[in-house]
Amino acid sequence: MTALWIAHVKVTDDAAYGEYARRATSAIADHGGVFLARGGAYEQLEGPDRPRNVVARFPSLQAAHDCYYSTAYQDALSHAKGASQRELCIVEEIA
């Protein structure tokens, strides 16, 4: 079954986060991930407002997990730390 990364982000350093996004895009694609939403219009209904919302689909829960823990993604993530407030989870899609 496919799985989704769902991220809610408030960027605090545009330059550093831009570097994260550039590097993360490659790492995600290398694990079969494709973006379904990346920024764009949104309506906050509950919880903390994070104006950047990202959804990426992966071929499986394992592929999403492996991407997060990959060397390439962890390198990318080092640019997001201190440059954003984030929540990220992996959710398995239903058939």
PDB file of N, CA and C in Angstrom:
ATOM      1  N   MET A   1       0.831  -1.184   0.000  1.00  0.00           N
ATOM      2  CA  MET A   1       0.000   0.000   0.000  1.00  0.00           C
ATOM      3  C   MET A   1       0.876   1.249   0.000  1.00  0.00           C
ATOM      4  N   THR A   2       0.404   2.272  -0.650  1.00  0.00           N
ATOM      5  CA  THR A   2       1.145   3.532  -0.684  1.00  0.00           C
ATOM      6  C   THR A   2       1.065   4.221   0.680  1.00  0.00           C
ATOM      7  N   ALA A   3       1.951   5.174   0.880  1.00  0.00           N
ATOM      8  CA  ALA A   3       1.992   5.919   2.131  1.00  0.00           C
ATOM      9  C   ALA A   3       2.251   7.382   1.829  1.00  0.00           C
ATOM     10  N   LEU A   4       1.827   8.235   2.740  1.00  0.00           N
ATOM     11  CA  LEU A   4       1.979   9.681   2.591  1.00  0.00           C
ATOM     12  C   LEU A   4       2.868  10.239   3.682  1.00  0.00           C
ATOM     13  N   TRP A   5       3.740  11.154   3.284  1.00  0.00           N
ATOM     14  CA  TRP A   5       4.380  12.045   4.249  1.00  0.00           C
ATOM     15  C   TRP A   5       3.463  13.250   4.333  1.00  0.00           C
ATOM     16  N   ILE A   6       3.113  13.644   5.540  1.00  0.00           N
ATOM     17  CA  ILE A   6       2.311  14.842   5.738  1.00  0.00           C
ATOM     18  C   ILE A   6       3.102  15.755   6.664  1.00  0.00           C
ATOM     19  N   ALA A   7       3.456  16.915   6.152  1.00  0.00           N
ATOM     20  CA  ALA A   7       4.267  17.863   6.919  1.00  0.00           C
ATOM     21  C   ALA A   7       3.552  19.194   7.046  1.00  0.00           C
ATOM     22  N   HIS A   8       3.652  19.783   8.225  1.00  0.00           N
ATOM     23  CA  HIS A   8       3.129  21.125   8.489  1.00  0.00           C
ATOM     24  C   HIS A   8       4.318  21.941   8.984  1.00  0.00           C
ATOM     25  N   VAL A   9       4.590  23.059   8.315  1.00  0.00           N
ATOM     26  CA  VAL A   9       5.849  23.771   8.535  1.00  0.00           C
ATOM     27  C   VAL A   9       5.618  25.277   8.646  1.00  0.00           C
ATOM     28  N   LYS A  10       6.324  25.879   9.586  1.00  0.00           N
ATOM     29  CA  LYS A  10       6.454  27.342   9.646  1.00  0.00           C
ATOM     30  C   LYS A  10       7.924  27.642   9.421  1.00  0.00           C
ATOM     31  N   VAL A  11       8.236  28.287   8.310  1.00  0.00           N
ATOM     32  CA  VAL A  11       9.614  28.601   7.948  1.00  0.00           C
ATOM     33  C   VAL A  11      10.046  29.868   8.688  1.00  0.00           C
ATOM     34  N   THR A  12      11.221  29.797   9.312  1.00  0.00           N
ATOM     35  CA  THR A  12      11.762  30.955  10.026  1.00  0.00           C
ATOM     36  C   THR A  12      13.036  31.497   9.389  1.00  0.00           C
ATOM     37  N   ASP A  13      13.621  30.742   8.464  1.00  0.00           N
ATOM     38  CA  ASP A  13      14.821  31.176   7.733  1.00  0.00           C
ATOM     39  C   ASP A  13      14.667  30.696   6.287  1.00  0.00           C
ATOM     40  N   ASP A  14      14.236  31.608   5.414  1.00  0.00           N
ATOM     41  CA  ASP A  14      13.924  31.241   4.030  1.00  0.00           C
ATOM     42  C   ASP A  14      15.127  30.664   3.282  1.00  0.00           C
ATOM     43  N   ALA A  15      16.295  31.224   3.461  1.00  0.00           N
ATOM     44  CA  ALA A  15      17.473  30.761   2.717  1.00  0.00           C
ATOM     45  C   ALA A  15      17.841  29.331   3.120  1.00  0.00           C
ATOM     46  N   ALA A  16      17.936  29.076   4.411  1.00  0.00           N
ATOM     47  CA  ALA A  16      18.304  27.736   4.879  1.00  0.00           C
ATOM     48  C   ALA A  16      17.225  26.725   4.515  1.00  0.00           C
ATOM     49  N   TYR A  17      15.969  27.113   4.656  1.00  0.00           N
ATOM     50  CA  TYR A  17      14.890  26.179   4.336  1.00  0.00           C
ATOM     51  C   TYR A  17      14.835  25.917   2.834  1.00  0.00           C
ATOM     52  N   GLY A  18      15.165  26.896   2.048  1.00  0.00           N
ATOM     53  CA  GLY A  18      15.239  26.696   0.600  1.00  0.00           C
ATOM     54  C   GLY A  18      16.279  25.643   0.239  1.00  0.00           C
ATOM     55  N   GLU A  19      17.406  25.650   0.938  1.00  0.00           N
ATOM     56  CA  GLU A  19      18.434  24.635   0.713  1.00  0.00           C
ATOM     57  C   GLU A  19      17.922  23.259   1.133  1.00  0.00           C
ATOM     58  N   TYR A  20      17.226  23.211   2.260  1.00  0.00           N
ATOM     59  CA  TYR A  20      16.597  21.947   2.671  1.00  0.00           C
ATOM     60  C   TYR A  20      15.670  21.436   1.565  1.00  0.00           C
ATOM     61  N   ALA A  21      14.777  22.297   1.081  1.00  0.00           N
ATOM     62  CA  ALA A  21      13.791  21.892   0.078  1.00  0.00           C
ATOM     63  C   ALA A  21      14.467  21.385  -1.191  1.00  0.00           C
ATOM     64  N   ARG A  22      15.525  22.055  -1.614  1.00  0.00           N
ATOM     65  CA  ARG A  22      16.240  21.633  -2.809  1.00  0.00           C
ATOM     66  C   ARG A  22      16.823  20.228  -2.626  1.00  0.00           C
ATOM     67  N   ARG A  23      17.474  20.012  -1.503  1.00  0.00           N
ATOM     68  CA  ARG A  23      18.096  18.707  -1.256  1.00  0.00           C
ATOM     69  C   ARG A  23      17.059  17.621  -0.980  1.00  0.00           C
ATOM     70  N   ALA A  24      16.019  17.971  -0.247  1.00  0.00           N
ATOM     71  CA  ALA A  24      14.987  16.994   0.095  1.00  0.00           C
ATOM     72  C   ALA A  24      14.246  16.509  -1.147  1.00  0.00           C
ATOM     73  N   THR A  25      14.043  17.390  -2.112  1.00  0.00           N
ATOM     74  CA  THR A  25      13.345  17.014  -3.338  1.00  0.00           C
ATOM     75  C   THR A  25      14.031  15.836  -4.013  1.00  0.00           C
ATOM     76  N   SER A  26      15.343  15.878  -4.099  1.00  0.00           N
ATOM     77  CA  SER A  26      16.098  14.779  -4.713  1.00  0.00           C
ATOM     78  C   SER A  26      16.003  13.503  -3.885  1.00  0.00           C
ATOM     79  N   ALA A  27      16.142  13.626  -2.572  1.00  0.00           N
ATOM     80  CA  ALA A  27      16.082  12.450  -1.699  1.00  0.00           C
ATOM     81  C   ALA A  27      14.709  11.787  -1.780  1.00  0.00           C
ATOM     82  N   ILE A  28      13.674  12.589  -1.807  1.00  0.00           N
ATOM     83  CA  ILE A  28      12.309  12.060  -1.889  1.00  0.00           C
ATOM     84  C   ILE A  28      12.099  11.354  -3.218  1.00  0.00           C
ATOM     85  N   ALA A  29      12.516  11.981  -4.305  1.00  0.00           N
ATOM     86  CA  ALA A  29      12.369  11.354  -5.632  1.00  0.00           C
ATOM     87  C   ALA A  29      13.153  10.050  -5.721  1.00  0.00           C
ATOM     88  N   ASP A  30      14.328  10.004  -5.103  1.00  0.00           N
ATOM     89  CA  ASP A  30      15.147   8.795  -5.124  1.00  0.00           C
ATOM     90  C   ASP A  30      14.471   7.609  -4.441  1.00  0.00           C
ATOM     91  N   HIS A  31      13.489   7.885  -3.587  1.00  0.00           N
ATOM     92  CA  HIS A  31      12.757   6.825  -2.889  1.00  0.00           C
ATOM     93  C   HIS A  31      11.350   6.636  -3.461  1.00  0.00           C
ATOM     94  N   GLY A  32      11.125   7.161  -4.658  1.00  0.00           N
ATOM     95  CA  GLY A  32       9.835   6.985  -5.323  1.00  0.00           C
ATOM     96  C   GLY A  32       8.761   7.946  -4.880  1.00  0.00           C
ATOM     97  N   GLY A  33       9.135   8.971  -4.110  1.00  0.00           N
ATOM     98  CA  GLY A  33       8.162   9.940  -3.622  1.00  0.00           C
ATOM     99  C   GLY A  33       7.789  10.966  -4.682  1.00  0.00           C
ATOM    100  N   VAL A  34       6.513  11.341  -4.689  1.00  0.00           N
ATOM    101  CA  VAL A  34       6.012  12.400  -5.565  1.00  0.00           C
ATOM    102  C   VAL A  34       5.175  13.358  -4.719  1.00  0.00           C
ATOM    103  N   PHE A  35       5.294  14.638  -5.018  1.00  0.00           N
ATOM    104  CA  PHE A  35       4.552  15.639  -4.259  1.00  0.00           C
ATOM    105  C   PHE A  35       3.118  15.744  -4.749  1.00  0.00           C
ATOM    106  N   LEU A  36       2.190  15.752  -3.806  1.00  0.00           N
ATOM    107  CA  LEU A  36       0.776  15.977  -4.098  1.00  0.00           C
ATOM    108  C   LEU A  36       0.374  17.393  -3.722  1.00  0.00           C
ATOM    109  N   ALA A  37       1.034  17.936  -2.713  1.00  0.00           N
ATOM    110  CA  ALA A  37       0.825  19.321  -2.286  1.00  0.00           C
ATOM    111  C   ALA A  37       2.143  19.825  -1.741  1.00  0.00           C
ATOM    112  N   ARG A  38       2.429  21.070  -2.057  1.00  0.00           N
ATOM    113  CA  ARG A  38       3.700  21.658  -1.594  1.00  0.00           C
ATOM    114  C   ARG A  38       3.490  23.161  -1.488  1.00  0.00           C
ATOM    115  N   GLY A  39       3.137  23.605  -0.289  1.00  0.00           N
ATOM    116  CA  GLY A  39       2.790  25.009  -0.124  1.00  0.00           C
ATOM    117  C   GLY A  39       1.391  25.221  -0.668  1.00  0.00           C
ATOM    118  N   GLY A  40       1.125  26.346  -1.214  1.00  0.00           N
ATOM    119  CA  GLY A  40      -0.177  26.603  -1.821  1.00  0.00           C
ATOM    120  C   GLY A  40      -1.231  27.034  -0.809  1.00  0.00           C
ATOM    121  N   ALA A  41      -2.412  27.301  -1.330  1.00  0.00           N
ATOM    122  CA  ALA A  41      -3.524  27.779  -0.508  1.00  0.00           C
ATOM    123  C   ALA A  41      -3.973  26.696   0.469  1.00  0.00           C
ATOM    124  N   TYR A  42      -4.406  27.108   1.648  1.00  0.00           N
ATOM    125  CA  TYR A  42      -4.876  26.179   2.661  1.00  0.00           C
ATOM    126  C   TYR A  42      -5.833  26.906   3.592  1.00  0.00           C
ATOM    127  N   GLU A  43      -6.567  26.153   4.371  1.00  0.00           N
ATOM    128  CA  GLU A  43      -7.443  26.702   5.401  1.00  0.00           C
ATOM    129  C   GLU A  43      -7.138  25.956   6.694  1.00  0.00           C
ATOM    130  N   GLN A  44      -6.663  26.654   7.707  1.00  0.00           N
ATOM    131  CA  GLN A  44      -6.341  26.041   8.992  1.00  0.00           C
ATOM    132  C   GLN A  44      -7.619  25.900   9.796  1.00  0.00           C
ATOM    133  N   LEU A  45      -7.985  24.675  10.143  1.00  0.00           N
ATOM    134  CA  LEU A  45      -9.222  24.436  10.881  1.00  0.00           C
ATOM    135  C   LEU A  45      -8.983  24.117  12.350  1.00  0.00           C
ATOM    136  N   GLU A  46      -7.909  23.400  12.647  1.00  0.00           N
ATOM    137  CA  GLU A  46      -7.598  23.041  14.028  1.00  0.00           C
ATOM    138  C   GLU A  46      -6.085  22.976  14.193  1.00  0.00           C
ATOM    139  N   GLY A  47      -5.624  23.133  15.422  1.00  0.00           N
ATOM    140  CA  GLY A  47      -4.209  22.991  15.728  1.00  0.00           C
ATOM    141  C   GLY A  47      -3.405  24.215  15.352  1.00  0.00           C
ATOM    142  N   PRO A  48      -2.080  24.120  15.579  1.00  0.00           N
ATOM    143  CA  PRO A  48      -1.212  25.271  15.297  1.00  0.00           C
ATOM    144  C   PRO A  48      -1.142  25.562  13.796  1.00  0.00           C
ATOM    145  N   ASP A  49      -1.138  26.843  13.485  1.00  0.00           N
ATOM    146  CA  ASP A  49      -1.057  27.255  12.083  1.00  0.00           C
ATOM    147  C   ASP A  49       0.377  27.105  11.597  1.00  0.00           C
ATOM    148  N   ARG A  50       0.552  26.302  10.571  1.00  0.00           N
ATOM    149  CA  ARG A  50       1.827  26.129   9.893  1.00  0.00           C
ATOM    150  C   ARG A  50       1.561  26.423   8.423  1.00  0.00           C
ATOM    151  N   PRO A  51       1.983  27.575   7.928  1.00  0.00           N
ATOM    152  CA  PRO A  51       1.571  28.020   6.599  1.00  0.00           C
ATOM    153  C   PRO A  51       2.140  27.242   5.422  1.00  0.00           C
ATOM    154  N   ARG A  52       3.073  26.343   5.647  1.00  0.00           N
ATOM    155  CA  ARG A  52       3.576  25.514   4.541  1.00  0.00           C
ATOM    156  C   ARG A  52       3.147  24.077   4.835  1.00  0.00           C
ATOM    157  N   ASN A  53       2.314  23.531   3.965  1.00  0.00           N
ATOM    158  CA  ASN A  53       1.796  22.179   4.126  1.00  0.00           C
ATOM    159  C   ASN A  53       2.231  21.358   2.929  1.00  0.00           C
ATOM    160  N   VAL A  54       2.818  20.197   3.211  1.00  0.00           N
ATOM    161  CA  VAL A  54       3.398  19.368   2.159  1.00  0.00           C
ATOM    162  C   VAL A  54       2.880  17.942   2.309  1.00  0.00           C
ATOM    163  N   VAL A  55       2.468  17.362   1.180  1.00  0.00           N
ATOM    164  CA  VAL A  55       2.065  15.961   1.144  1.00  0.00           C
ATOM    165  C   VAL A  55       2.827  15.302   0.001  1.00  0.00           C
ATOM    166  N   ALA A  56       3.513  14.205   0.327  1.00  0.00           N
ATOM    167  CA  ALA A  56       4.234  13.435  -0.689  1.00  0.00           C
ATOM    168  C   ALA A  56       3.779  11.982  -0.595  1.00  0.00           C
ATOM    169  N   ARG A  57       3.561  11.365  -1.742  1.00  0.00           N
ATOM    170  CA  ARG A  57       3.157   9.951  -1.789  1.00  0.00           C
ATOM    171  C   ARG A  57       4.378   9.093  -2.102  1.00  0.00           C
ATOM    172  N   PHE A  58       4.516   8.003  -1.367  1.00  0.00           N
ATOM    173  CA  PHE A  58       5.570   7.022  -1.573  1.00  0.00           C
ATOM    174  C   PHE A  58       4.945   5.681  -1.946  1.00  0.00           C
ATOM    175  N   PRO A  59       5.708   4.809  -2.605  1.00  0.00           N
ATOM    176  CA  PRO A  59       5.169   3.516  -3.011  1.00  0.00           C
ATOM    177  C   PRO A  59       4.763   2.618  -1.841  1.00  0.00           C
ATOM    178  N   SER A  60       5.353   2.854  -0.668  1.00  0.00           N
ATOM    179  CA  SER A  60       5.040   2.019   0.499  1.00  0.00           C
ATOM    180  C   SER A  60       5.427   2.757   1.773  1.00  0.00           C
ATOM    181  N   LEU A  61       4.935   2.255   2.889  1.00  0.00           N
ATOM    182  CA  LEU A  61       5.325   2.788   4.186  1.00  0.00           C
ATOM    183  C   LEU A  61       6.825   2.619   4.387  1.00  0.00           C
ATOM    184  N   GLN A  62       7.356   1.479   3.959  1.00  0.00           N
ATOM    185  CA  GLN A  62       8.791   1.218   4.104  1.00  0.00           C
ATOM    186  C   GLN A  62       9.623   2.209   3.287  1.00  0.00           C
ATOM    187  N   ALA A  63       9.178   2.521   2.068  1.00  0.00           N
ATOM    188  CA  ALA A  63       9.909   3.481   1.231  1.00  0.00           C
ATOM    189  C   ALA A  63       9.911   4.864   1.881  1.00  0.00           C
ATOM    190  N   ALA A  64       8.790   5.261   2.467  1.00  0.00           N
ATOM    191  CA  ALA A  64       8.714   6.557   3.149  1.00  0.00           C
ATOM    192  C   ALA A  64       9.635   6.576   4.358  1.00  0.00           C
ATOM    193  N   HIS A  65       9.630   5.499   5.119  1.00  0.00           N
ATOM    194  CA  HIS A  65      10.501   5.369   6.286  1.00  0.00           C
ATOM    195  C   HIS A  65      11.971   5.409   5.859  1.00  0.00           C
ATOM    196  N   ASP A  66      12.310   4.618   4.844  1.00  0.00           N
ATOM    197  CA  ASP A  66      13.695   4.560   4.370  1.00  0.00           C
ATOM    198  C   ASP A  66      14.168   5.912   3.866  1.00  0.00           C
ATOM    199  N   CYS A  67      13.280   6.651   3.217  1.00  0.00           N
ATOM    200  CA  CYS A  67      13.651   7.980   2.738  1.00  0.00           C
ATOM    201  C   CYS A  67      14.025   8.882   3.904  1.00  0.00           C
ATOM    202  N   TYR A  68      13.185   8.903   4.928  1.00  0.00           N
ATOM    203  CA  TYR A  68      13.442   9.782   6.066  1.00  0.00           C
ATOM    204  C   TYR A  68      14.799   9.486   6.693  1.00  0.00           C
ATOM    205  N   TYR A  69      15.130   8.227   6.837  1.00  0.00           N
ATOM    206  CA  TYR A  69      16.370   7.840   7.503  1.00  0.00           C
ATOM    207  C   TYR A  69      17.565   7.729   6.563  1.00  0.00           C
ATOM    208  N   SER A  70      17.369   8.039   5.287  1.00  0.00           N
ATOM    209  CA  SER A  70      18.477   7.971   4.334  1.00  0.00           C
ATOM    210  C   SER A  70      19.497   9.063   4.617  1.00  0.00           C
ATOM    211  N   THR A  71      20.725   8.806   4.223  1.00  0.00           N
ATOM    212  CA  THR A  71      21.801   9.786   4.385  1.00  0.00           C
ATOM    213  C   THR A  71      21.468  11.085   3.663  1.00  0.00           C
ATOM    214  N   ALA A  72      20.929  10.976   2.444  1.00  0.00           N
ATOM    215  CA  ALA A  72      20.614  12.175   1.651  1.00  0.00           C
ATOM    216  C   ALA A  72      19.545  13.022   2.334  1.00  0.00           C
ATOM    217  N   TYR A  73      18.490  12.389   2.860  1.00  0.00           N
ATOM    218  CA  TYR A  73      17.437  13.175   3.502  1.00  0.00           C
ATOM    219  C   TYR A  73      17.923  13.755   4.821  1.00  0.00           C
ATOM    220  N   GLN A  74      18.675  12.997   5.592  1.00  0.00           N
ATOM    221  CA  GLN A  74      19.191  13.523   6.851  1.00  0.00           C
ATOM    222  C   GLN A  74      20.118  14.711   6.612  1.00  0.00           C
ATOM    223  N   ASP A  75      20.890  14.662   5.526  1.00  0.00           N
ATOM    224  CA  ASP A  75      21.713  15.814   5.152  1.00  0.00           C
ATOM    225  C   ASP A  75      20.825  17.017   4.837  1.00  0.00           C
ATOM    226  N   ALA A  76      19.777  16.788   4.069  1.00  0.00           N
ATOM    227  CA  ALA A  76      18.835  17.875   3.753  1.00  0.00           C
ATOM    228  C   ALA A  76      18.210  18.420   5.028  1.00  0.00           C
ATOM    229  N   LEU A  77      17.791  17.518   5.907  1.00  0.00           N
ATOM    230  CA  LEU A  77      17.106  17.908   7.133  1.00  0.00           C
ATOM    231  C   LEU A  77      17.970  18.791   8.018  1.00  0.00           C
ATOM    232  N   SER A  78      19.278  18.634   7.941  1.00  0.00           N
ATOM    233  CA  SER A  78      20.167  19.477   8.750  1.00  0.00           C
ATOM    234  C   SER A  78      19.995  20.959   8.410  1.00  0.00           C
ATOM    235  N   HIS A  79      19.531  21.265   7.208  1.00  0.00           N
ATOM    236  CA  HIS A  79      19.291  22.657   6.804  1.00  0.00           C
ATOM    237  C   HIS A  79      17.945  23.182   7.305  1.00  0.00           C
ATOM    238  N   ALA A  80      17.017  22.280   7.601  1.00  0.00           N
ATOM    239  CA  ALA A  80      15.704  22.691   8.096  1.00  0.00           C
ATOM    240  C   ALA A  80      15.718  22.946   9.596  1.00  0.00           C
ATOM    241  N   LYS A  81      16.583  22.232  10.302  1.00  0.00           N
ATOM    242  CA  LYS A  81      16.661  22.403  11.757  1.00  0.00           C
ATOM    243  C   LYS A  81      17.168  23.803  12.073  1.00  0.00           C
ATOM    244  N   GLY A  82      16.427  24.498  12.909  1.00  0.00           N
ATOM    245  CA  GLY A  82      16.767  25.877  13.227  1.00  0.00           C
ATOM    246  C   GLY A  82      16.228  26.867  12.214  1.00  0.00           C
ATOM    247  N   ALA A  83      15.698  26.362  11.098  1.00  0.00           N
ATOM    248  CA  ALA A  83      15.145  27.235  10.056  1.00  0.00           C
ATOM    249  C   ALA A  83      13.632  27.077   9.930  1.00  0.00           C
ATOM    250  N   SER A  84      13.056  26.234  10.813  1.00  0.00           N
ATOM    251  CA  SER A  84      11.621  25.972  10.711  1.00  0.00           C
ATOM    252  C   SER A  84      11.100  25.332  11.989  1.00  0.00           C
ATOM    253  N   GLN A  85       9.792  25.398  12.133  1.00  0.00           N
ATOM    254  CA  GLN A  85       9.063  24.620  13.131  1.00  0.00           C
ATOM    255  C   GLN A  85       8.237  23.640  12.314  1.00  0.00           C
ATOM    256  N   ARG A  86       8.357  22.337  12.604  1.00  0.00           N
ATOM    257  CA  ARG A  86       7.776  21.321  11.721  1.00  0.00           C
ATOM    258  C   ARG A  86       7.116  20.195  12.499  1.00  0.00           C
ATOM    259  N   GLU A  87       6.124  19.622  11.882  1.00  0.00           N
ATOM    260  CA  GLU A  87       5.586  18.336  12.276  1.00  0.00           C
ATOM    261  C   GLU A  87       5.573  17.490  11.008  1.00  0.00           C
ATOM    262  N   LEU A  88       5.955  16.221  11.119  1.00  0.00           N
ATOM    263  CA  LEU A  88       5.982  15.323   9.969  1.00  0.00           C
ATOM    264  C   LEU A  88       5.539  13.948  10.433  1.00  0.00           C
ATOM    265  N   CYS A  89       4.634  13.340   9.683  1.00  0.00           N
ATOM    266  CA  CYS A  89       4.245  11.973   9.988  1.00  0.00           C
ATOM    267  C   CYS A  89       4.110  11.196   8.674  1.00  0.00           C
ATOM    268  N   ILE A  90       4.174   9.881   8.803  1.00  0.00           N
ATOM    269  CA  ILE A  90       3.944   8.980   7.676  1.00  0.00           C
ATOM    270  C   ILE A  90       2.609   8.302   7.946  1.00  0.00           C
ATOM    271  N   VAL A  91       1.745   8.281   6.941  1.00  0.00           N
ATOM    272  CA  VAL A  91       0.431   7.675   7.065  1.00  0.00           C
ATOM    273  C   VAL A  91       0.224   6.710   5.906  1.00  0.00           C
ATOM    274  N   GLU A  92      -0.125   5.479   6.206  1.00  0.00           N
ATOM    275  CA  GLU A  92      -0.412   4.512   5.147  1.00  0.00           C
ATOM    276  C   GLU A  92      -1.777   4.834   4.542  1.00  0.00           C
ATOM    277  N   GLU A  93      -1.824   4.861   3.219  1.00  0.00           N
ATOM    278  CA  GLU A  93      -3.100   5.111   2.542  1.00  0.00           C
ATOM    279  C   GLU A  93      -3.974   3.863   2.588  1.00  0.00           C
ATOM    280  N   ILE A  94      -5.278   4.074   2.508  1.00  0.00           N
ATOM    281  CA  ILE A  94      -6.197   2.953   2.434  1.00  0.00           C
ATOM    282  C   ILE A  94      -6.508   2.677   0.976  1.00  0.00           C
ATOM    283  N   ALA A  95      -6.835   1.449   0.690  1.00  0.00           N
ATOM    284  CA  ALA A  95      -7.106   1.063  -0.703  1.00  0.00           C
ATOM    285  C   ALA A  95      -8.440   1.601  -1.167  1.00  0.00           C
TER     286      ALA A  95
END
